[in-house]
C-alpha atoms as a PDB file:
ATOM      1  CA  GLY A   1       3.680   4.941 -17.453  1.00  0.00           C
ATOM      2  CA  GLY A   2       2.779   8.408 -16.530  1.00  0.00           C
ATOM      3  CA  LYS A   3       3.255  10.609 -13.334  1.00  0.00           C
ATOM      4  CA  LYS A   4       0.903   8.912 -11.129  1.00  0.00           C
ATOM      5  CA  LEU A   5       1.443   5.504  -9.399  1.00  0.00           C
ATOM      6  CA  TYR A   6      -1.456   3.551  -7.314  1.00  0.00           C
ATOM      7  CA  CYS A   7      -0.300   2.153  -4.224  1.00  0.00           C
ATOM      8  CA  GLY A   8      -2.292  -0.455  -2.743  1.00  0.00           C
ATOM      9  CA  ASN A   9      -1.823  -3.040   0.532  1.00  0.00           C
ATOM     10  CA  LEU A  10      -1.166  -0.413   2.710  1.00  0.00           C
ATOM     11  CA  SER A  11      -1.175  -0.276   6.384  1.00  0.00           C
ATOM     12  CA  TYR A  12      -3.817   1.766   8.291  1.00  0.00           C
ATOM     13  CA  ASP A  13      -0.993   3.668   9.558  1.00  0.00           C
ATOM     14  CA  ILE A  14       0.191   5.119   6.976  1.00  0.00           C
ATOM     15  CA  ASP A  15       0.832   9.108   6.783  1.00  0.00           C
ATOM     16  CA  ASP A  16       1.807  11.827   3.904  1.00  0.00           C
ATOM     17  CA  ALA A  17       5.552  11.770   5.271  1.00  0.00           C
ATOM     18  CA  THR A  18       5.559   7.927   5.780  1.00  0.00           C
ATOM     19  CA  ILE A  19       4.807   7.616   2.090  1.00  0.00           C
ATOM     20  CA  THR A  20       7.020  10.575   1.396  1.00  0.00           C
ATOM     21  CA  GLU A  21      10.297   9.164   3.112  1.00  0.00           C
ATOM     22  CA  PHE A  22       9.433   5.594   1.276  1.00  0.00           C
ATOM     23  CA  PHE A  23       9.940   7.291  -2.137  1.00  0.00           C
ATOM     24  CA  LYS A  24      12.465  10.118  -1.140  1.00  0.00           C
ATOM     25  CA  ASP A  25      15.066   8.567  -3.054  1.00  0.00           C
ATOM     26  CA  CYS A  26      12.794   8.386  -6.211  1.00  0.00           C
ATOM     27  CA  GLY A  27      11.792  12.046  -6.900  1.00  0.00           C
ATOM     28  CA  ASP A  28       9.499  14.976  -5.954  1.00  0.00           C
ATOM     29  CA  ILE A  29       6.128  14.229  -5.197  1.00  0.00           C
ATOM     30  CA  ASP A  30       3.744  16.736  -6.176  1.00  0.00           C
ATOM     31  CA  TYR A  31       0.496  15.435  -4.851  1.00  0.00           C
ATOM     32  CA  ILE A  32      -0.815  12.044  -2.593  1.00  0.00           C
ATOM     33  CA  LYS A  33      -4.795  11.391  -2.323  1.00  0.00           C
ATOM     34  CA  TRP A  34      -5.452   8.775  -0.069  1.00  0.00           C
ATOM     35  CA  VAL A  35      -8.833   6.794  -0.781  1.00  0.00           C
ATOM     36  CA  THR A  36     -11.526   6.952   1.747  1.00  0.00           C
ATOM     37  CA  ASP A  37     -15.167   5.516   1.865  1.00  0.00           C
ATOM     38  CA  ARG A  38     -17.686   8.107   0.465  1.00  0.00           C
ATOM     39  CA  GLU A  39     -20.070   7.370   3.213  1.00  0.00           C
ATOM     40  CA  SER A  40     -17.702   6.691   6.569  1.00  0.00           C
ATOM     41  CA  GLY A  41     -14.812   8.131   5.682  1.00  0.00           C
ATOM     42  CA  ASP A  42     -12.456   5.486   6.457  1.00  0.00           C
ATOM     43  CA  PHE A  43      -9.221   4.520   5.041  1.00  0.00           C
ATOM     44  CA  LYS A  44      -9.515   1.894   2.400  1.00  0.00           C
ATOM     45  CA  GLY A  45      -5.634   0.864   2.566  1.00  0.00           C
ATOM     46  CA  CYS A  46      -5.045   2.641  -0.519  1.00  0.00           C
ATOM     47  CA  GLY A  47      -4.123   5.839  -2.471  1.00  0.00           C
ATOM     48  CA  PHE A  48      -2.326   7.460  -5.412  1.00  0.00           C
ATOM     49  CA  VAL A  49       1.135   9.360  -5.324  1.00  0.00           C
ATOM     50  CA  ASP A  50       1.702  11.930  -8.372  1.00  0.00           C
ATOM     51  CA  PHE A  51       5.439  12.293  -9.125  1.00  0.00           C
ATOM     52  CA  ALA A  52       6.776  15.633 -10.655  1.00  0.00           C
ATOM     53  CA  ALA A  53       7.893  13.973 -13.735  1.00  0.00           C
ATOM     54  CA  SER A  54       7.569  10.571 -15.273  1.00  0.00           C
ATOM     55  CA  GLU A  55      11.284   9.271 -14.590  1.00  0.00           C
ATOM     56  CA  TYR A  56      10.450   9.496 -10.776  1.00  0.00           C
ATOM     57  CA  ALA A  57       7.530   7.032 -11.198  1.00  0.00           C
ATOM     58  CA  ASP A  58       9.513   4.900 -12.970  1.00  0.00           C
ATOM     59  CA  LYS A  59      12.377   4.644 -10.670  1.00  0.00           C
ATOM     60  CA  ALA A  60       9.102   4.073  -8.068  1.00  0.00           C
ATOM     61  CA  MET A  61       7.684   1.309  -9.860  1.00  0.00           C
ATOM     62  CA  LEU A  62      11.130  -0.543  -9.012  1.00  0.00           C
ATOM     63  CA  LYS A  63      10.248  -0.608  -5.111  1.00  0.00           C
ATOM     64  CA  GLN A  64       7.050  -2.704  -6.075  1.00  0.00           C
ATOM     65  CA  GLY A  65       6.458  -5.417  -3.147  1.00  0.00           C
ATOM     66  CA  GLU A  66       9.360  -3.783  -0.973  1.00  0.00           C
ATOM     67  CA  HIS A  67       7.850  -3.611   2.855  1.00  0.00           C
ATOM     68  CA  LEU A  68       6.287  -0.184   4.043  1.00  0.00           C
ATOM     69  CA  LEU A  69       5.070  -0.222   7.603  1.00  0.00           C
ATOM     70  CA  GLY A  70       5.506  -4.214   7.691  1.00  0.00           C
ATOM     71  CA  ARG A  71       3.253  -4.965   4.501  1.00  0.00           C
ATOM     72  CA  PRO A  72       4.408  -5.411   0.682  1.00  0.00           C
ATOM     73  CA  ILE A  73       3.264  -2.384  -1.037  1.00  0.00           C
ATOM     74  CA  ARG A  74       1.345  -2.880  -4.522  1.00  0.00           C
ATOM     75  CA  LEU A  75       2.266  -0.269  -7.043  1.00  0.00           C
ATOM     76  CA  ASP A  76       0.710   0.026 -10.470  1.00  0.00           C
ATOM     77  CA  TRP A  77       0.100   2.826 -12.873  1.00  0.00           C
ATOM     78  CA  ALA A  78      -2.535   4.891 -12.622  1.00  0.00           C
ATOM     79  CA  GLU A  79      -4.771   6.394 -15.159  1.00  0.00           C
ATOM     80  CA  GLU A  80      -4.237  10.181 -16.258  1.00  0.00           C
ATOM     81  CA  ARG A  81      -7.565  11.738 -16.023  1.00  0.00           C
ATOM     82  CA  PRO A  82      -8.265  15.529 -16.980  1.00  0.00           C
ATOM     83  CA  PRO A  83      -9.277  17.493 -13.947  1.00  0.00           C
ATOM     84  CA  ARG A  84     -13.166  17.582 -13.466  1.00  0.00           C
ATOM     85  CA  GLN A  85     -15.369  20.512 -14.735  1.00  0.00           C
END
């Protein structure tokens, strides 16, 4: 797996506090990134959550399909990319 998860089918009302609360029983989160349109800056309904350890991400994957703000969350493993130079 890895430590980073793609989170899709998110409500447009999502925020860092809400996703942190949703995953609180899984383990610590290092970073949250919301996907936005490059031109308009509008939220695209998905994002990435980077957990502090791979075992936390493994636990989080078990929440696949659970409802968050009234929508079933779609989870997948995100590709670990090296930082941009």
